[in-house]
Amino acid sequence: MHIGILTGGGDVPGLNPCIRSVTLSAIALGWRVTGFRRGWEGLLKIDPDDPASIAAYTRPLDREAVRGIDRMGGTILHTSRLDPRTVTDGDRSDHVLRVLDALGVEAIVTLGGDGTLRFSAHLAALGFPVISVPKTMDNDVFGTDYCIGFSTAVSRSVEAINALRTTIESHERIGVIELFGRRSGETALLAGFLAQVDRTVIAEVPADLDRLLPLLGRDKKSRPANYAVCVISEGATIGGTEGNDMTKPASQRFEAGVGQRLAREIEARLKQGTVVQSLAYLMRAGEPDAMDRMVGFAFGGLAVQLIQSKRTGRMVTLSDGKYSHVPIDTLLGGTKTVDVGGLYDADAYRAKLMRIEGMPMFLY
């Protein structure tokens, strides 16, 4: 058996442990593993009749190639944000299939977020054996409770928020800390709760400045150290301020982020100084934490087991604390966002725990 593996979308810690797990699990079965560089873009760059292009965009994976990579963040296979159906010269799905056939790849494991896995589902619908692995620090892939990268992003955010308190307190200001999360505020909600910040604004609930700003003002005055901290999701909307074009990747959005806009309103209306920090790529930088190593290893092993048992066209998942799998097109069936009614007090801009018994570990 010859299997392929690729990573697409934004990098997250935990991808390399998964790549290592897939590779070692496959080698134990006597299989051959080929890594494709730069996600779906790499497959489009390959000309099956051109050995140079094959060498440039593939990487044979053996035990030595994956030695120690579990301790590294990011992805050794590199990544891209590209759907072969939406390139300028039209749908290139046929080219992807032609490359896989020419290279003798019999099944592929794809690690990605919503965009990467949507094309994975499309490829499976065309009849090619695919196993998809959900990863995104926003934890917003529909159909799974957990995505690789989420735990590390939350841990990084909590560490940074608590570190920033020293500067915010020293200057007696209101800190505004912006976290990634374009469609889902789950990362901000959990990080804000664990860091016990004063207020958290999530993507799912527009911020009413007439309510939020007085709360922050009171938070600051009520603390002997005379400071307050607000966490805000990148995708949050603020009433009365100019919107952000959230349809573009962060690297292509040049206007002021939502954190900067909120800080301007605080300074203008409350006459208070601010400290503004967008954690951005620091949330996904560095080595994975223990949770993302564990999930990466487990998802990779499960992916190979599914291929071995000829159960392809599946997405590996964590559901109710157990490893499982669902049809690969499950993510197309809905949108995963914060349970606002159960987990968020929209009037106070704070996480709330309505009940604990029976809830999963991350309380989502």
Protein backbone atom coordinates (compact mmCIF):
# COMPACT_ATOMS: atom_id res chain seq x y z
CA MET A 1 0.00 0.00 0.00
CA HIS A 2 1.23 3.47 -0.92
CA ILE A 3 -0.42 6.34 0.96
CA GLY A 4 -0.03 10.09 0.74
CA ILE A 5 -0.34 12.78 3.38
CA LEU A 6 -0.65 16.57 3.19
CA THR A 7 -1.35 19.56 5.42
CA GLY A 8 -3.40 22.57 4.36
CA GLY A 9 -4.64 25.86 5.77
CA GLY A 10 -3.08 27.56 8.75
CA ASP A 11 -0.36 25.71 10.63
CA VAL A 12 -1.03 24.60 14.21
CA PRO A 13 1.03 22.76 16.81
CA GLY A 14 0.18 19.07 16.66
CA LEU A 15 0.45 18.58 12.91
CA ASN A 16 3.94 17.09 13.09
CA PRO A 17 2.99 14.53 15.77
CA CYS A 18 0.14 13.46 13.49
CA ILE A 19 2.45 13.21 10.47
CA ARG A 20 4.85 11.10 12.54
CA SER A 21 2.03 8.87 13.75
CA VAL A 22 0.66 8.27 10.25
CA THR A 23 4.14 7.51 8.94
CA LEU A 24 5.18 5.11 11.70
CA SER A 25 1.79 3.36 11.73
CA ALA A 26 1.99 2.85 7.98
CA ILE A 27 5.61 1.65 8.09
CA ALA A 28 4.64 -0.93 10.72
CA LEU A 29 2.26 -2.38 8.14
CA GLY A 30 4.92 -2.41 5.44
CA TRP A 31 3.40 0.52 3.58
CA ARG A 32 5.10 3.33 1.71
CA VAL A 33 4.35 6.98 2.65
CA THR A 34 4.72 10.09 0.49
CA GLY A 35 4.27 13.58 1.88
CA PHE A 36 2.97 16.26 -0.45
CA ARG A 37 4.42 19.72 0.11
CA ARG A 38 2.28 22.86 0.34
CA GLY A 39 -1.08 21.11 0.59
CA TRP A 40 -3.33 21.01 -2.45
CA GLU A 41 -1.15 23.64 -4.15
CA GLY A 42 1.71 21.15 -4.26
CA LEU A 43 -0.41 18.59 -6.07
CA LEU A 44 -1.39 21.19 -8.66
CA LYS A 45 2.29 22.08 -9.21
CA ILE A 46 3.24 18.50 -10.00
CA ASP A 47 3.56 17.43 -13.62
CA PRO A 48 3.55 13.61 -13.57
CA ASP A 49 5.84 13.64 -16.61
CA ASP A 50 8.36 15.98 -14.97
CA PRO A 51 10.58 14.29 -12.34
CA ALA A 52 11.84 17.68 -11.15
CA SER A 53 8.35 18.85 -10.20
CA ILE A 54 7.68 15.57 -8.42
CA ALA A 55 10.90 15.95 -6.43
CA ALA A 56 10.07 19.57 -5.58
CA TYR A 57 6.59 18.90 -4.23
CA THR A 58 6.83 15.46 -2.67
CA ARG A 59 8.85 14.11 0.22
CA PRO A 60 9.32 10.40 0.96
CA LEU A 61 8.53 9.80 4.61
CA ASP A 62 10.34 7.09 6.50
CA ARG A 63 11.32 6.59 10.13
CA GLU A 64 14.32 8.90 9.85
CA ALA A 65 12.34 11.65 8.11
CA VAL A 66 9.90 11.91 11.02
CA ARG A 67 12.37 11.40 13.86
CA GLY A 68 11.83 14.04 16.54
CA ILE A 69 9.30 16.09 14.59
CA ASP A 70 6.66 15.55 17.29
CA ARG A 71 8.54 18.08 19.39
CA MET A 72 8.23 20.73 16.68
CA GLY A 73 5.38 23.09 15.93
CA GLY A 74 4.10 23.85 12.43
CA THR A 75 4.32 21.27 9.66
CA ILE A 76 7.37 19.81 7.97
CA LEU A 77 5.29 19.45 4.81
CA HIS A 78 4.53 23.19 4.64
CA THR A 79 1.05 24.40 3.80
CA SER A 80 -1.11 26.58 1.60
CA ARG A 81 -4.66 27.88 1.47
CA LEU A 82 -5.95 26.61 -1.84
CA ASP A 83 -8.95 24.69 -3.13
CA PRO A 84 -8.23 23.09 -6.53
CA ARG A 85 -11.82 23.80 -7.57
CA THR A 86 -11.43 27.57 -7.29
CA VAL A 87 -8.17 28.37 -9.08
CA THR A 88 -8.15 30.90 -11.91
CA ASP A 89 -8.07 28.29 -14.68
CA GLY A 90 -11.09 26.40 -13.35
CA ASP A 91 -11.70 23.20 -11.43
CA ARG A 92 -8.47 21.17 -11.29
CA SER A 93 -9.84 18.15 -9.45
CA ASP A 94 -9.04 15.97 -12.44
CA HIS A 95 -5.39 17.02 -12.25
CA VAL A 96 -5.19 16.06 -8.57
CA LEU A 97 -6.59 12.62 -9.37
CA ARG A 98 -4.21 12.23 -12.32
CA VAL A 99 -1.18 13.02 -10.16
CA LEU A 100 -2.22 10.61 -7.43
CA ASP A 101 -2.76 7.86 -9.99
CA ALA A 102 0.52 8.53 -11.78
CA LEU A 103 2.47 8.37 -8.51
CA GLY A 104 0.73 5.18 -7.45
CA VAL A 105 -0.85 6.72 -4.34
CA GLU A 106 -3.73 4.49 -3.27
CA ALA A 107 -5.13 6.58 -0.41
CA ILE A 108 -4.42 9.96 1.15
CA VAL A 109 -4.62 11.43 4.66
CA THR A 110 -5.40 15.14 4.69
CA LEU A 111 -4.82 17.38 7.72
CA GLY A 112 -6.64 20.67 7.61
CA GLY A 113 -9.41 23.00 8.60
CA ASP A 114 -12.70 23.74 6.92
CA GLY A 115 -11.28 24.67 3.51
CA THR A 116 -8.83 21.78 3.17
CA LEU A 117 -11.35 19.24 4.38
CA ARG A 118 -14.09 20.48 2.07
CA PHE A 119 -11.96 19.54 -0.91
CA SER A 120 -11.07 16.28 0.84
CA ALA A 121 -14.79 15.47 0.96
CA HIS A 122 -15.09 16.39 -2.71
CA LEU A 123 -12.19 14.10 -3.63
CA ALA A 124 -13.78 11.27 -1.68
CA ALA A 125 -17.05 11.86 -3.52
CA LEU A 126 -15.14 11.38 -6.78
CA GLY A 127 -14.18 7.92 -5.56
CA PHE A 128 -10.66 8.41 -4.21
CA PRO A 129 -9.91 6.90 -0.76
CA VAL A 130 -9.45 9.79 1.70
CA ILE A 131 -9.22 10.08 5.47
CA SER A 132 -9.41 13.63 6.79
CA VAL A 133 -8.00 14.90 10.09
CA PRO A 134 -9.49 18.12 11.54
CA LYS A 135 -7.08 20.77 12.74
CA THR A 136 -7.67 24.39 13.60
CA MET A 137 -6.90 26.45 16.66
CA ASP A 138 -10.41 27.93 16.40
CA ASN A 139 -11.83 24.42 17.00
CA ASP A 140 -14.62 25.18 14.53
CA VAL A 141 -14.77 22.13 12.24
CA PHE A 142 -18.34 20.86 12.37
CA GLY A 143 -18.69 17.20 13.33
CA THR A 144 -15.92 16.88 15.92
CA ASP A 145 -15.64 18.16 19.47
CA TYR A 146 -11.90 18.73 19.11
CA CYS A 147 -9.45 19.82 16.41
CA ILE A 148 -5.66 19.55 16.59
CA GLY A 149 -4.14 22.86 17.69
CA PHE A 150 -6.94 24.10 19.95
CA SER A 151 -5.42 23.22 23.31
CA THR A 152 -2.04 24.75 22.50
CA ALA A 153 -3.67 27.94 21.22
CA VAL A 154 -5.65 28.30 24.44
CA SER A 155 -2.58 27.57 26.58
CA ARG A 156 -0.46 30.10 24.65
CA SER A 157 -3.22 32.71 24.98
CA VAL A 158 -3.64 32.26 28.73
CA GLU A 159 0.12 32.57 29.26
CA ALA A 160 0.30 35.74 27.17
CA ILE A 161 -2.77 37.35 28.78
CA ASN A 162 -1.39 36.80 32.25
CA ALA A 163 2.04 38.08 31.22
CA LEU A 164 0.50 41.24 29.76
CA ARG A 165 -1.16 42.02 33.08
CA THR A 166 2.14 43.35 34.42
CA THR A 167 2.35 46.08 31.79
CA ILE A 168 -1.38 46.87 31.85
CA GLU A 169 -1.31 47.18 35.65
CA SER A 170 1.92 49.19 35.72
CA HIS A 171 0.39 51.85 33.49
CA GLU A 172 -3.11 51.62 35.04
CA ARG A 173 -4.77 51.11 31.69
CA ILE A 174 -7.42 48.93 30.07
CA GLY A 175 -5.88 46.05 28.19
CA VAL A 176 -7.47 44.89 24.95
CA ILE A 177 -6.13 41.53 23.77
CA GLU A 178 -7.25 40.26 20.38
CA LEU A 179 -7.22 36.54 19.63
CA PHE A 180 -7.68 34.69 16.35
CA GLY A 181 -11.21 33.41 15.79
CA ARG A 182 -12.97 34.61 12.66
CA ARG A 183 -16.20 32.63 12.84
CA SER A 184 -16.07 31.07 16.30
CA GLY A 185 -15.24 32.74 19.59
CA GLU A 186 -14.48 29.49 21.39
CA THR A 187 -10.74 30.13 21.72
CA ALA A 188 -11.32 33.62 23.11
CA LEU A 189 -14.10 32.44 25.42
CA LEU A 190 -12.07 29.64 26.96
CA ALA A 191 -8.81 31.63 27.15
CA GLY A 192 -10.62 34.58 28.71
CA PHE A 193 -12.30 32.32 31.24
CA LEU A 194 -9.11 30.49 32.21
CA ALA A 195 -7.17 33.76 32.50
CA GLN A 196 -10.11 35.23 34.47
CA VAL A 197 -10.20 38.45 32.47
CA ASP A 198 -12.85 41.07 33.16
CA ARG A 199 -14.75 40.87 29.87
CA THR A 200 -14.64 38.69 26.76
CA VAL A 201 -16.18 39.67 23.42
CA ILE A 202 -16.80 36.72 21.08
CA ALA A 203 -17.49 36.51 17.37
CA GLU A 204 -21.02 35.23 17.88
CA VAL A 205 -22.34 38.23 19.84
CA PRO A 206 -21.99 41.83 18.57
CA ALA A 207 -20.58 44.20 21.17
CA ASP A 208 -22.83 47.05 22.30
CA LEU A 209 -20.38 49.76 23.33
CA ASP A 210 -23.00 51.54 25.40
CA ARG A 211 -23.05 48.47 27.63
CA LEU A 212 -19.51 47.12 27.30
CA LEU A 213 -17.55 50.32 27.93
CA PRO A 214 -19.23 51.25 31.24
CA LEU A 215 -18.57 47.70 32.43
CA LEU A 216 -14.87 48.03 31.63
CA GLY A 217 -14.76 51.40 33.31
CA ARG A 218 -16.26 49.97 36.48
CA ASP A 219 -13.92 46.97 36.32
CA LYS A 220 -10.93 49.29 36.30
CA LYS A 221 -12.15 51.46 39.16
CA SER A 222 -13.12 48.48 41.31
CA ARG A 223 -9.64 46.95 41.24
CA PRO A 224 -7.08 48.36 43.72
CA ALA A 225 -4.42 48.13 41.02
CA ASN A 226 -6.65 50.28 38.75
CA TYR A 227 -6.60 48.27 35.54
CA ALA A 228 -8.91 45.99 33.53
CA VAL A 229 -8.49 43.37 30.80
CA CYS A 230 -10.77 42.60 27.86
CA VAL A 231 -10.25 39.73 25.41
CA ILE A 232 -11.87 40.02 21.99
CA SER A 233 -12.23 37.58 19.07
CA GLU A 234 -10.75 38.62 15.75
CA GLY A 235 -14.16 38.10 14.12
CA ALA A 236 -16.14 40.12 16.65
CA THR A 237 -18.27 43.04 15.50
CA ILE A 238 -18.59 46.33 17.34
CA GLY A 239 -21.65 48.51 17.04
CA GLY A 240 -20.92 51.96 15.71
CA THR A 241 -17.44 51.24 14.32
CA GLU A 242 -16.26 50.52 10.82
CA GLY A 243 -16.37 46.81 10.01
CA ASN A 244 -13.49 44.57 9.05
CA ASP A 245 -13.42 42.44 5.90
CA MET A 246 -13.41 39.03 7.56
CA THR A 247 -13.71 37.23 4.22
CA LYS A 248 -9.96 37.68 3.68
CA PRO A 249 -7.14 35.77 5.39
CA ALA A 250 -5.50 37.75 8.19
CA SER A 251 -2.36 38.23 6.08
CA GLN A 252 -4.43 40.14 3.50
CA ARG A 253 -6.35 42.43 5.89
CA PHE A 254 -4.51 45.70 6.31
CA GLU A 255 -7.09 47.84 8.10
CA ALA A 256 -7.10 48.19 11.87
CA GLY A 257 -8.14 45.03 13.65
CA VAL A 258 -11.15 44.85 15.93
CA GLY A 259 -8.91 45.15 19.00
CA GLN A 260 -7.49 48.45 17.77
CA ARG A 261 -10.97 49.75 17.00
CA LEU A 262 -12.24 48.81 20.44
CA ALA A 263 -9.24 50.51 22.06
CA ARG A 264 -9.93 53.73 20.13
CA GLU A 265 -13.49 53.75 21.43
CA ILE A 266 -12.30 53.16 25.01
CA GLU A 267 -9.88 56.06 24.80
CA ALA A 268 -12.41 58.36 23.14
CA ARG A 269 -15.40 57.59 25.35
CA LEU A 270 -13.88 56.60 28.68
CA LYS A 271 -10.84 58.86 28.46
CA GLN A 272 -8.72 55.95 29.63
CA GLY A 273 -5.38 54.78 28.27
CA THR A 274 -5.17 51.34 26.69
CA VAL A 275 -2.68 48.60 26.01
CA VAL A 276 -3.56 46.80 22.78
CA GLN A 277 -2.07 43.46 21.79
CA SER A 278 -3.03 41.09 19.00
CA LEU A 279 -1.62 37.68 19.83
CA ALA A 280 -2.21 36.52 16.27
CA TYR A 281 0.37 34.00 15.05
CA LEU A 282 1.93 33.62 18.50
CA MET A 283 -1.13 31.53 19.34
CA ARG A 284 -0.08 28.91 16.80
CA ALA A 285 3.69 29.24 17.18
CA GLY A 286 6.04 26.85 18.92
CA GLU A 287 5.83 23.27 20.05
CA PRO A 288 2.51 21.52 20.79
CA ASP A 289 1.33 21.01 24.32
CA ALA A 290 0.69 17.55 25.76
CA MET A 291 -2.95 17.50 24.63
CA ASP A 292 -2.18 18.29 21.00
CA ARG A 293 0.65 15.75 20.92
CA MET A 294 -1.71 13.11 22.26
CA VAL A 295 -4.53 13.93 19.86
CA GLY A 296 -2.11 14.20 16.93
CA PHE A 297 -0.67 10.77 17.66
CA ALA A 298 -4.13 9.24 18.14
CA PHE A 299 -5.71 10.81 15.05
CA GLY A 300 -2.77 9.67 12.91
CA GLY A 301 -2.94 6.10 14.16
CA LEU A 302 -6.71 5.97 13.68
CA ALA A 303 -6.39 7.30 10.12
CA VAL A 304 -4.08 4.45 9.15
CA GLN A 305 -6.29 1.88 10.88
CA LEU A 306 -9.27 3.11 8.86
CA ILE A 307 -7.33 2.80 5.60
CA GLN A 308 -6.17 -0.68 6.61
CA SER A 309 -9.76 -1.78 7.20
CA LYS A 310 -10.86 -0.17 3.91
CA ARG A 311 -13.13 2.33 5.69
CA THR A 312 -12.16 5.46 3.81
CA GLY A 313 -14.24 8.53 3.12
CA ARG A 314 -14.17 9.26 6.87
CA MET A 315 -13.14 12.15 9.11
CA VAL A 316 -11.52 11.19 12.41
CA THR A 317 -13.10 12.86 15.43
CA LEU A 318 -13.21 13.25 19.17
CA SER A 319 -16.81 13.00 20.35
CA ASP A 320 -17.87 12.91 24.01
CA GLY A 321 -14.24 12.32 24.95
CA LYS A 322 -13.81 9.28 22.70
CA TYR A 323 -11.94 8.83 19.42
CA SER A 324 -14.27 8.03 16.57
CA HIS A 325 -14.97 8.87 12.94
CA VAL A 326 -17.83 10.22 10.84
CA PRO A 327 -18.58 10.47 7.11
CA ILE A 328 -16.03 12.80 5.53
CA ASP A 329 -18.70 15.22 4.32
CA THR A 330 -20.12 15.73 7.82
CA LEU A 331 -18.39 19.10 8.12
CA LEU A 332 -20.55 20.37 5.25
CA GLY A 333 -23.69 19.88 7.32
CA GLY A 334 -23.42 22.77 9.72
CA THR A 335 -21.42 25.48 11.44
CA LYS A 336 -19.72 25.04 14.79
CA THR A 337 -19.93 28.05 17.06
CA VAL A 338 -20.11 28.82 20.77
CA ASP A 339 -23.26 27.72 22.59
CA VAL A 340 -24.08 31.26 23.58
CA GLY A 341 -27.15 30.37 25.62
CA GLY A 342 -25.33 27.77 27.65
CA LEU A 343 -21.82 29.16 27.98
CA TYR A 344 -21.91 32.94 27.58
CA ASP A 345 -23.54 35.83 29.39
CA ALA A 346 -24.12 38.24 26.51
CA ASP A 347 -25.12 41.09 28.86
CA ALA A 348 -22.02 40.81 31.05
CA TYR A 349 -19.59 39.74 28.25
CA ARG A 350 -18.35 36.84 30.32
CA ALA A 351 -18.25 33.08 30.17
CA LYS A 352 -20.83 31.39 32.33
CA LEU A 353 -21.04 27.80 33.46
CA MET A 354 -24.71 26.90 33.57
CA ARG A 355 -23.96 23.33 34.53
CA ILE A 356 -20.89 21.14 34.91
CA GLU A 357 -22.15 17.60 35.41
CA GLY A 358 -22.13 15.70 32.14
CA MET A 359 -20.23 18.40 30.24
CA PRO A 360 -17.11 17.51 28.21
CA MET A 361 -13.68 18.55 29.45
CA PHE A 362 -13.47 21.79 27.47
CA LEU A 363 -17.02 22.83 28.45
CA TYR A 364 -18.03 23.57 24.86
